[in-house]
Amino acid sequence: MDLKKVERVYTSYAGVYDQIFGKVFHEGRESAIRNLNVQPNERVLEVGVGTGLALPMYPRHCEIVGIDLSEGMLTKAKERAEAHGLGHVRLQRMDAGAMEFSDNSFDTVVAAYVVTAVPDHRKVVNEMIRVCRPGGRIIMLNHFSNGNKIIAAVEKVISPLTKKLGWRTDLSLTTVLEGTSLHVARKANVNPLRYWALVECVNAKNGHPVINGNGNGSAGYGHENGHYANGHYASEPAH
């Protein structure tokens, strides 16, 4: 996948995305935002905002910035924000792998169905870490490859086909988190068949301490020396 192809594919989806994918992915989006517990004046970045389906779910006491590469998707998102009177929402066209924001600009970063739909997930994850403050939260809602060897083999086979549709199926959460400063605080399966995972991470960059993954000051679930086992992320304590 390259950026131009991704933009072209998702712009072609813009007019029908809500009808085709809206209901399927609604539970996951709702779960992600319902559990955010966003505080007054908190700055939240939604990466890959798409048609803005999640925008009305956020509380109005915070500031929401949504970015997307697809102009067609953003047009729909702007229409939705205007229809709901979402004055606390700002939308921009931007490449998630090369964001224009300063370091530590946001308290929380949300990426729903994004990391498997971009050409370079590492660039996107690193950019999310950069623009999120130390101790802030990064929420990923996505399908990650299954630990079951048979299912994983099937996902690897069909991934070339799904890439043509705009996403891949063979990316694991371990691969996404490997070598980053993210610490998993919570992981839950959501959506029909529990095929998608809602992963909440604490941004432990610059040596920010975490406790049980929640940013309160001690060891938590890390991944720099960790691995996934039985659906749970296991690692040595962070220092």
C-alpha atoms as a PDB file:
ATOM      1  CA  MET A   1       0.000   0.000   0.000  1.00  0.00           C
ATOM      2  CA  ASP A   2       1.161   3.544  -0.710  1.00  0.00           C
ATOM      3  CA  LEU A   3      -0.330   6.852   0.458  1.00  0.00           C
ATOM      4  CA  LYS A   4      -1.901   7.747  -2.870  1.00  0.00           C
ATOM      5  CA  LYS A   5      -3.592   4.367  -3.108  1.00  0.00           C
ATOM      6  CA  VAL A   6      -4.834   4.574   0.485  1.00  0.00           C
ATOM      7  CA  GLU A   7      -6.263   8.027  -0.144  1.00  0.00           C
ATOM      8  CA  ARG A   8      -7.897   6.905  -3.388  1.00  0.00           C
ATOM      9  CA  VAL A   9      -9.456   3.802  -1.815  1.00  0.00           C
ATOM     10  CA  TYR A  10     -10.886   5.578   1.208  1.00  0.00           C
ATOM     11  CA  THR A  11     -12.117   8.550  -0.776  1.00  0.00           C
ATOM     12  CA  SER A  12     -14.021   6.058  -2.943  1.00  0.00           C
ATOM     13  CA  TYR A  13     -15.541   4.626   0.257  1.00  0.00           C
ATOM     14  CA  ALA A  14     -16.585   8.032   1.625  1.00  0.00           C
ATOM     15  CA  GLY A  15     -20.096   8.025   0.189  1.00  0.00           C
ATOM     16  CA  VAL A  16     -20.981   4.528   1.382  1.00  0.00           C
ATOM     17  CA  TYR A  17     -18.720   4.012   4.394  1.00  0.00           C
ATOM     18  CA  ASP A  18     -21.365   4.747   7.015  1.00  0.00           C
ATOM     19  CA  GLN A  19     -23.866   2.372   5.442  1.00  0.00           C
ATOM     20  CA  ILE A  20     -21.398  -0.489   4.953  1.00  0.00           C
ATOM     21  CA  PHE A  21     -19.108  -0.218   7.961  1.00  0.00           C
ATOM     22  CA  GLY A  22     -20.937   2.076  10.383  1.00  0.00           C
ATOM     23  CA  LYS A  23     -23.019  -0.520  12.243  1.00  0.00           C
ATOM     24  CA  VAL A  24     -20.314  -3.187  12.157  1.00  0.00           C
ATOM     25  CA  PHE A  25     -17.749  -0.950  13.830  1.00  0.00           C
ATOM     26  CA  HIS A  26     -20.131   1.076  16.017  1.00  0.00           C
ATOM     27  CA  GLU A  27     -19.764  -1.041  19.164  1.00  0.00           C
ATOM     28  CA  GLY A  28     -15.995  -0.735  19.100  1.00  0.00           C
ATOM     29  CA  ARG A  29     -16.033   3.036  18.653  1.00  0.00           C
ATOM     30  CA  GLU A  30     -18.625   3.461  21.382  1.00  0.00           C
ATOM     31  CA  SER A  31     -16.634   1.259  23.779  1.00  0.00           C
ATOM     32  CA  ALA A  32     -13.431   3.181  23.084  1.00  0.00           C
ATOM     33  CA  ILE A  33     -14.932   6.594  23.763  1.00  0.00           C
ATOM     34  CA  ARG A  34     -17.248   5.553  26.594  1.00  0.00           C
ATOM     35  CA  ASN A  35     -14.244   4.343  28.593  1.00  0.00           C
ATOM     36  CA  LEU A  36     -12.011   7.337  27.894  1.00  0.00           C
ATOM     37  CA  ASN A  37     -13.293   9.362  30.872  1.00  0.00           C
ATOM     38  CA  VAL A  38     -12.135  12.531  29.145  1.00  0.00           C
ATOM     39  CA  GLN A  39     -11.430  15.374  31.575  1.00  0.00           C
ATOM     40  CA  PRO A  40     -12.422  19.044  31.074  1.00  0.00           C
ATOM     41  CA  ASN A  41     -10.129  20.863  28.625  1.00  0.00           C
ATOM     42  CA  GLU A  42      -8.339  17.642  27.690  1.00  0.00           C
ATOM     43  CA  ARG A  43      -6.939  17.661  24.158  1.00  0.00           C
ATOM     44  CA  VAL A  44      -7.817  14.545  22.157  1.00  0.00           C
ATOM     45  CA  LEU A  45      -6.474  13.654  18.715  1.00  0.00           C
ATOM     46  CA  GLU A  46      -8.414  11.197  16.579  1.00  0.00           C
ATOM     47  CA  VAL A  47      -6.153   9.769  13.894  1.00  0.00           C
ATOM     48  CA  GLY A  48      -8.016   8.557  10.814  1.00  0.00           C
ATOM     49  CA  VAL A  49     -11.228  10.331  11.775  1.00  0.00           C
ATOM     50  CA  GLY A  50     -12.889   9.116   8.573  1.00  0.00           C
ATOM     51  CA  THR A  51     -16.466  10.321   8.157  1.00  0.00           C
ATOM     52  CA  GLY A  52     -16.548  11.419  11.790  1.00  0.00           C
ATOM     53  CA  LEU A  53     -18.823   8.670  13.091  1.00  0.00           C
ATOM     54  CA  ALA A  54     -17.284   8.935  16.561  1.00  0.00           C
ATOM     55  CA  LEU A  55     -17.296  12.735  16.816  1.00  0.00           C
ATOM     56  CA  PRO A  56     -20.766  13.121  18.408  1.00  0.00           C
ATOM     57  CA  MET A  57     -19.799  10.569  21.089  1.00  0.00           C
ATOM     58  CA  TYR A  58     -17.090  12.731  22.661  1.00  0.00           C
ATOM     59  CA  PRO A  59     -18.025  15.023  25.568  1.00  0.00           C
ATOM     60  CA  ARG A  60     -18.158  18.720  24.726  1.00  0.00           C
ATOM     61  CA  HIS A  61     -15.941  19.829  27.601  1.00  0.00           C
ATOM     62  CA  CYS A  62     -12.780  18.774  25.761  1.00  0.00           C
ATOM     63  CA  GLU A  63     -11.031  19.759  22.525  1.00  0.00           C
ATOM     64  CA  ILE A  64     -11.120  17.231  19.687  1.00  0.00           C
ATOM     65  CA  VAL A  65      -8.803  17.372  16.684  1.00  0.00           C
ATOM     66  CA  GLY A  66      -9.478  14.897  13.897  1.00  0.00           C
ATOM     67  CA  ILE A  67      -7.151  14.174  10.990  1.00  0.00           C
ATOM     68  CA  ASP A  68      -7.494  12.070   7.864  1.00  0.00           C
ATOM     69  CA  LEU A  69      -5.637  11.716   4.587  1.00  0.00           C
ATOM     70  CA  SER A  70      -8.815  11.350   2.539  1.00  0.00           C
ATOM     71  CA  GLU A  71     -10.448  14.604   1.507  1.00  0.00           C
ATOM     72  CA  GLY A  72     -13.642  12.722   0.717  1.00  0.00           C
ATOM     73  CA  MET A  73     -13.818  11.298   4.239  1.00  0.00           C
ATOM     74  CA  LEU A  74     -13.064  14.697   5.768  1.00  0.00           C
ATOM     75  CA  THR A  75     -15.868  16.316   3.790  1.00  0.00           C
ATOM     76  CA  LYS A  76     -18.326  13.875   5.374  1.00  0.00           C
ATOM     77  CA  ALA A  77     -16.792  14.449   8.808  1.00  0.00           C
ATOM     78  CA  LYS A  78     -17.150  18.221   8.454  1.00  0.00           C
ATOM     79  CA  GLU A  79     -20.778  17.822   7.439  1.00  0.00           C
ATOM     80  CA  ARG A  80     -21.401  15.661  10.508  1.00  0.00           C
ATOM     81  CA  ALA A  81     -19.654  18.090  12.857  1.00  0.00           C
ATOM     82  CA  GLU A  82     -21.698  20.992  11.485  1.00  0.00           C
ATOM     83  CA  ALA A  83     -24.973  19.042  11.670  1.00  0.00           C
ATOM     84  CA  HIS A  84     -24.341  18.219  15.349  1.00  0.00           C
ATOM     85  CA  GLY A  85     -23.035  21.673  16.242  1.00  0.00           C
ATOM     86  CA  LEU A  86     -19.677  20.333  17.387  1.00  0.00           C
ATOM     87  CA  GLY A  87     -17.863  23.579  18.058  1.00  0.00           C
ATOM     88  CA  HIS A  88     -15.190  21.785  20.107  1.00  0.00           C
ATOM     89  CA  VAL A  89     -14.079  19.766  17.052  1.00  0.00           C
ATOM     90  CA  ARG A  90     -11.396  20.818  14.553  1.00  0.00           C
ATOM     91  CA  LEU A  91     -10.715  18.763  11.416  1.00  0.00           C
ATOM     92  CA  GLN A  92      -7.586  18.777   9.237  1.00  0.00           C
ATOM     93  CA  ARG A  93      -6.273  16.880   6.256  1.00  0.00           C
ATOM     94  CA  MET A  94      -2.982  15.339   7.308  1.00  0.00           C
ATOM     95  CA  ASP A  95      -0.743  12.319   6.819  1.00  0.00           C
ATOM     96  CA  ALA A  96      -0.725  10.371  10.093  1.00  0.00           C
ATOM     97  CA  GLY A  97       2.836   9.296   9.366  1.00  0.00           C
ATOM     98  CA  ALA A  98       4.094  12.893   9.207  1.00  0.00           C
ATOM     99  CA  MET A  99       1.908  14.989  11.486  1.00  0.00           C
ATOM    100  CA  GLU A 100       2.277  18.748  11.613  1.00  0.00           C
ATOM    101  CA  PHE A 101       1.686  19.028  15.370  1.00  0.00           C
ATOM    102  CA  SER A 102       4.345  19.880  17.941  1.00  0.00           C
ATOM    103  CA  ASP A 103       5.637  17.281  20.372  1.00  0.00           C
ATOM    104  CA  ASN A 104       3.370  16.542  23.367  1.00  0.00           C
ATOM    105  CA  SER A 105       0.400  18.398  21.866  1.00  0.00           C
ATOM    106  CA  PHE A 106      -2.290  15.972  23.086  1.00  0.00           C
ATOM    107  CA  ASP A 107      -3.365  14.227  26.274  1.00  0.00           C
ATOM    108  CA  THR A 108      -5.007  11.333  24.430  1.00  0.00           C
ATOM    109  CA  VAL A 109      -4.630   9.915  20.922  1.00  0.00           C
ATOM    110  CA  VAL A 110      -7.306   7.637  19.465  1.00  0.00           C
ATOM    111  CA  ALA A 111      -6.731   5.524  16.351  1.00  0.00           C
ATOM    112  CA  ALA A 112      -9.708   3.390  15.333  1.00  0.00           C
ATOM    113  CA  TYR A 113      -9.160   0.942  12.461  1.00  0.00           C
ATOM    114  CA  VAL A 114      -6.006   2.793  11.403  1.00  0.00           C
ATOM    115  CA  VAL A 115      -2.734   0.923  12.011  1.00  0.00           C
ATOM    116  CA  THR A 116      -3.559  -1.878   9.565  1.00  0.00           C
ATOM    117  CA  ALA A 117      -4.766   0.583   6.924  1.00  0.00           C
ATOM    118  CA  VAL A 118      -1.583   2.629   6.495  1.00  0.00           C
ATOM    119  CA  PRO A 119       1.526   1.923   4.389  1.00  0.00           C
ATOM    120  CA  ASP A 120       3.905   2.140   7.366  1.00  0.00           C
ATOM    121  CA  HIS A 121       2.393   1.410  10.772  1.00  0.00           C
ATOM    122  CA  ARG A 122       5.679   2.150  12.548  1.00  0.00           C
ATOM    123  CA  LYS A 123       5.768   5.718  11.293  1.00  0.00           C
ATOM    124  CA  VAL A 124       2.172   6.256  12.381  1.00  0.00           C
ATOM    125  CA  VAL A 125       2.654   4.744  15.845  1.00  0.00           C
ATOM    126  CA  ASN A 126       5.863   6.731  16.365  1.00  0.00           C
ATOM    127  CA  GLU A 127       4.068   9.907  15.362  1.00  0.00           C
ATOM    128  CA  MET A 128       1.223   9.169  17.781  1.00  0.00           C
ATOM    129  CA  ILE A 129       3.790   8.706  20.547  1.00  0.00           C
ATOM    130  CA  ARG A 130       5.543  11.948  19.605  1.00  0.00           C
ATOM    131  CA  VAL A 131       2.455  14.172  19.662  1.00  0.00           C
ATOM    132  CA  CYS A 132       1.060  12.555  22.854  1.00  0.00           C
ATOM    133  CA  ARG A 133       2.424  13.884  26.139  1.00  0.00           C
ATOM    134  CA  PRO A 134       4.430  11.629  28.473  1.00  0.00           C
ATOM    135  CA  GLY A 135       1.946   9.708  30.606  1.00  0.00           C
ATOM    136  CA  GLY A 136      -0.829  10.364  28.099  1.00  0.00           C
ATOM    137  CA  ARG A 137      -2.992   7.664  26.558  1.00  0.00           C
ATOM    138  CA  ILE A 138      -2.901   6.093  23.126  1.00  0.00           C
ATOM    139  CA  ILE A 139      -5.981   4.059  22.226  1.00  0.00           C
ATOM    140  CA  MET A 140      -5.910   1.637  19.309  1.00  0.00           C
ATOM    141  CA  LEU A 141      -9.037  -0.108  18.076  1.00  0.00           C
ATOM    142  CA  ASN A 142      -8.126  -2.628  15.426  1.00  0.00           C
ATOM    143  CA  HIS A 143      -8.019  -6.195  14.237  1.00  0.00           C
ATOM    144  CA  PHE A 144      -4.664  -7.762  14.995  1.00  0.00           C
ATOM    145  CA  SER A 145      -3.542 -11.129  13.679  1.00  0.00           C
ATOM    146  CA  ASN A 146      -4.747 -14.076  15.713  1.00  0.00           C
ATOM    147  CA  GLY A 147      -2.419 -16.163  17.883  1.00  0.00           C
ATOM    148  CA  ASN A 148      -4.105 -19.289  16.541  1.00  0.00           C
ATOM    149  CA  LYS A 149      -1.723 -20.741  13.959  1.00  0.00           C
ATOM    150  CA  ILE A 150      -4.460 -21.874  11.581  1.00  0.00           C
ATOM    151  CA  ILE A 151      -6.291 -18.531  11.650  1.00  0.00           C
ATOM    152  CA  ALA A 152      -2.996 -16.655  11.391  1.00  0.00           C
ATOM    153  CA  ALA A 153      -2.089 -18.686   8.297  1.00  0.00           C
ATOM    154  CA  VAL A 154      -5.443 -17.853   6.680  1.00  0.00           C
ATOM    155  CA  GLU A 155      -5.001 -14.165   7.537  1.00  0.00           C
ATOM    156  CA  LYS A 156      -1.564 -14.170   5.944  1.00  0.00           C
ATOM    157  CA  VAL A 157      -2.942 -15.741   2.762  1.00  0.00           C
ATOM    158  CA  ILE A 158      -5.819 -13.273   2.374  1.00  0.00           C
ATOM    159  CA  SER A 159      -3.809 -10.198   3.365  1.00  0.00           C
ATOM    160  CA  PRO A 160      -2.692  -9.434  -0.247  1.00  0.00           C
ATOM    161  CA  LEU A 161      -6.384  -9.318  -1.218  1.00  0.00           C
ATOM    162  CA  THR A 162      -7.453  -7.142   1.700  1.00  0.00           C
ATOM    163  CA  LYS A 163      -4.573  -4.756   0.969  1.00  0.00           C
ATOM    164  CA  LYS A 164      -6.265  -4.010  -2.344  1.00  0.00           C
ATOM    165  CA  LEU A 165      -9.379  -3.118  -0.338  1.00  0.00           C
ATOM    166  CA  GLY A 166      -7.383  -0.795   1.908  1.00  0.00           C
ATOM    167  CA  TRP A 167      -6.204  -2.793   4.916  1.00  0.00           C
ATOM    168  CA  ARG A 168      -4.121  -5.793   5.954  1.00  0.00           C
ATOM    169  CA  THR A 169      -4.974  -8.755   8.200  1.00  0.00           C
ATOM    170  CA  ASP A 170      -1.528 -10.120   9.106  1.00  0.00           C
ATOM    171  CA  LEU A 171      -0.276  -7.477  11.561  1.00  0.00           C
ATOM    172  CA  SER A 172       0.084  -8.526  15.203  1.00  0.00           C
ATOM    173  CA  LEU A 173      -0.185  -6.296  18.258  1.00  0.00           C
ATOM    174  CA  THR A 174       3.244  -7.509  19.373  1.00  0.00           C
ATOM    175  CA  THR A 175       4.715  -6.214  16.114  1.00  0.00           C
ATOM    176  CA  VAL A 176       2.942  -2.867  16.478  1.00  0.00           C
ATOM    177  CA  LEU A 177       4.191  -2.311  20.033  1.00  0.00           C
ATOM    178  CA  GLU A 178       7.674  -3.769  19.698  1.00  0.00           C
ATOM    179  CA  GLY A 179      10.424  -1.279  20.507  1.00  0.00           C
ATOM    180  CA  THR A 180       8.067   1.557  21.457  1.00  0.00           C
ATOM    181  CA  SER A 181       7.482   3.327  24.777  1.00  0.00           C
ATOM    182  CA  LEU A 182       3.863   2.155  24.994  1.00  0.00           C
ATOM    183  CA  HIS A 183       2.648   0.138  27.975  1.00  0.00           C
ATOM    184  CA  VAL A 184      -0.598  -1.782  27.720  1.00  0.00           C
ATOM    185  CA  ALA A 185      -3.054  -0.767  30.450  1.00  0.00           C
ATOM    186  CA  ARG A 186      -6.108  -2.576  29.126  1.00  0.00           C
ATOM    187  CA  LYS A 187      -7.092  -4.865  26.278  1.00  0.00           C
ATOM    188  CA  ALA A 188     -10.586  -6.078  25.396  1.00  0.00           C
ATOM    189  CA  ASN A 189     -12.158  -7.724  22.372  1.00  0.00           C
ATOM    190  CA  VAL A 190     -15.090  -5.858  20.836  1.00  0.00           C
ATOM    191  CA  ASN A 191     -17.447  -5.787  17.837  1.00  0.00           C
ATOM    192  CA  PRO A 192     -19.210  -8.779  16.266  1.00  0.00           C
ATOM    193  CA  LEU A 193     -17.402 -12.080  16.913  1.00  0.00           C
ATOM    194  CA  ARG A 194     -14.924 -10.163  19.111  1.00  0.00           C
ATOM    195  CA  TYR A 195     -12.640 -10.011  16.106  1.00  0.00           C
ATOM    196  CA  TRP A 196     -11.330  -6.527  16.916  1.00  0.00           C
ATOM    197  CA  ALA A 197      -9.246  -5.478  19.928  1.00  0.00           C
ATOM    198  CA  LEU A 198      -9.524  -2.285  21.955  1.00  0.00           C
ATOM    199  CA  VAL A 199      -6.054  -1.594  23.353  1.00  0.00           C
ATOM    200  CA  GLU A 200      -5.390   1.251  25.777  1.00  0.00           C
ATOM    201  CA  CYS A 201      -1.741   2.171  26.240  1.00  0.00           C
ATOM    202  CA  VAL A 202       0.119   4.596  28.471  1.00  0.00           C
ATOM    203  CA  ASN A 203       2.763   6.673  26.714  1.00  0.00           C
ATOM    204  CA  ALA A 204       5.813   6.023  28.887  1.00  0.00           C
ATOM    205  CA  LYS A 205       8.241   8.005  26.726  1.00  0.00           C
ATOM    206  CA  ASN A 206      11.039  10.022  28.305  1.00  0.00           C
ATOM    207  CA  GLY A 207      11.119   7.537  31.170  1.00  0.00           C
ATOM    208  CA  HIS A 208       7.655   8.438  32.424  1.00  0.00           C
ATOM    209  CA  PRO A 209       6.775   5.929  35.183  1.00  0.00           C
ATOM    210  CA  VAL A 210       3.610   3.856  35.069  1.00  0.00           C
ATOM    211  CA  ILE A 211       1.787   1.640  37.538  1.00  0.00           C
ATOM    212  CA  ASN A 212      -0.406  -1.159  36.211  1.00  0.00           C
ATOM    213  CA  GLY A 213      -0.337   0.708  32.919  1.00  0.00           C
ATOM    214  CA  ASN A 214      -2.135   3.805  34.207  1.00  0.00           C
ATOM    215  CA  GLY A 215       0.593   6.378  34.537  1.00  0.00           C
ATOM    216  CA  ASN A 216       0.568   6.694  38.334  1.00  0.00           C
ATOM    217  CA  GLY A 217       4.151   5.981  39.122  1.00  0.00           C
ATOM    218  CA  SER A 218       5.524   2.412  39.205  1.00  0.00           C
ATOM    219  CA  ALA A 219       6.022  -0.675  37.097  1.00  0.00           C
ATOM    220  CA  GLY A 220       3.391  -1.600  34.544  1.00  0.00           C
ATOM    221  CA  TYR A 221       2.820  -3.809  31.551  1.00  0.00           C
ATOM    222  CA  GLY A 222       5.630  -3.110  29.113  1.00  0.00           C
ATOM    223  CA  HIS A 223       6.579  -4.540  25.783  1.00  0.00           C
ATOM    224  CA  GLU A 224      10.138  -3.557  25.037  1.00  0.00           C
ATOM    225  CA  ASN A 225      11.155  -6.889  26.617  1.00  0.00           C
ATOM    226  CA  GLY A 226       7.698  -8.411  26.524  1.00  0.00           C
ATOM    227  CA  HIS A 227       5.566 -10.787  24.544  1.00  0.00           C
ATOM    228  CA  TYR A 228       1.968 -11.744  24.103  1.00  0.00           C
ATOM    229  CA  ALA A 229       0.782 -14.903  25.825  1.00  0.00           C
ATOM    230  CA  ASN A 230      -2.727 -16.300  25.962  1.00  0.00           C
ATOM    231  CA  GLY A 231      -4.198 -13.021  24.767  1.00  0.00           C
ATOM    232  CA  HIS A 232      -2.505 -10.921  27.464  1.00  0.00           C
ATOM    233  CA  TYR A 233       0.599  -8.832  27.122  1.00  0.00           C
ATOM    234  CA  ALA A 234       3.344  -9.994  29.477  1.00  0.00           C
ATOM    235  CA  SER A 235       6.672  -8.336  30.146  1.00  0.00           C
ATOM    236  CA  GLU A 236       9.223  -7.450  32.728  1.00  0.00           C
ATOM    237  CA  PRO A 237       8.456  -4.360  34.850  1.00  0.00           C
ATOM    238  CA  ALA A 238       9.345  -1.057  33.255  1.00  0.00           C
ATOM    239  CA  HIS A 239      12.065   1.017  34.905  1.00  0.00           C
END
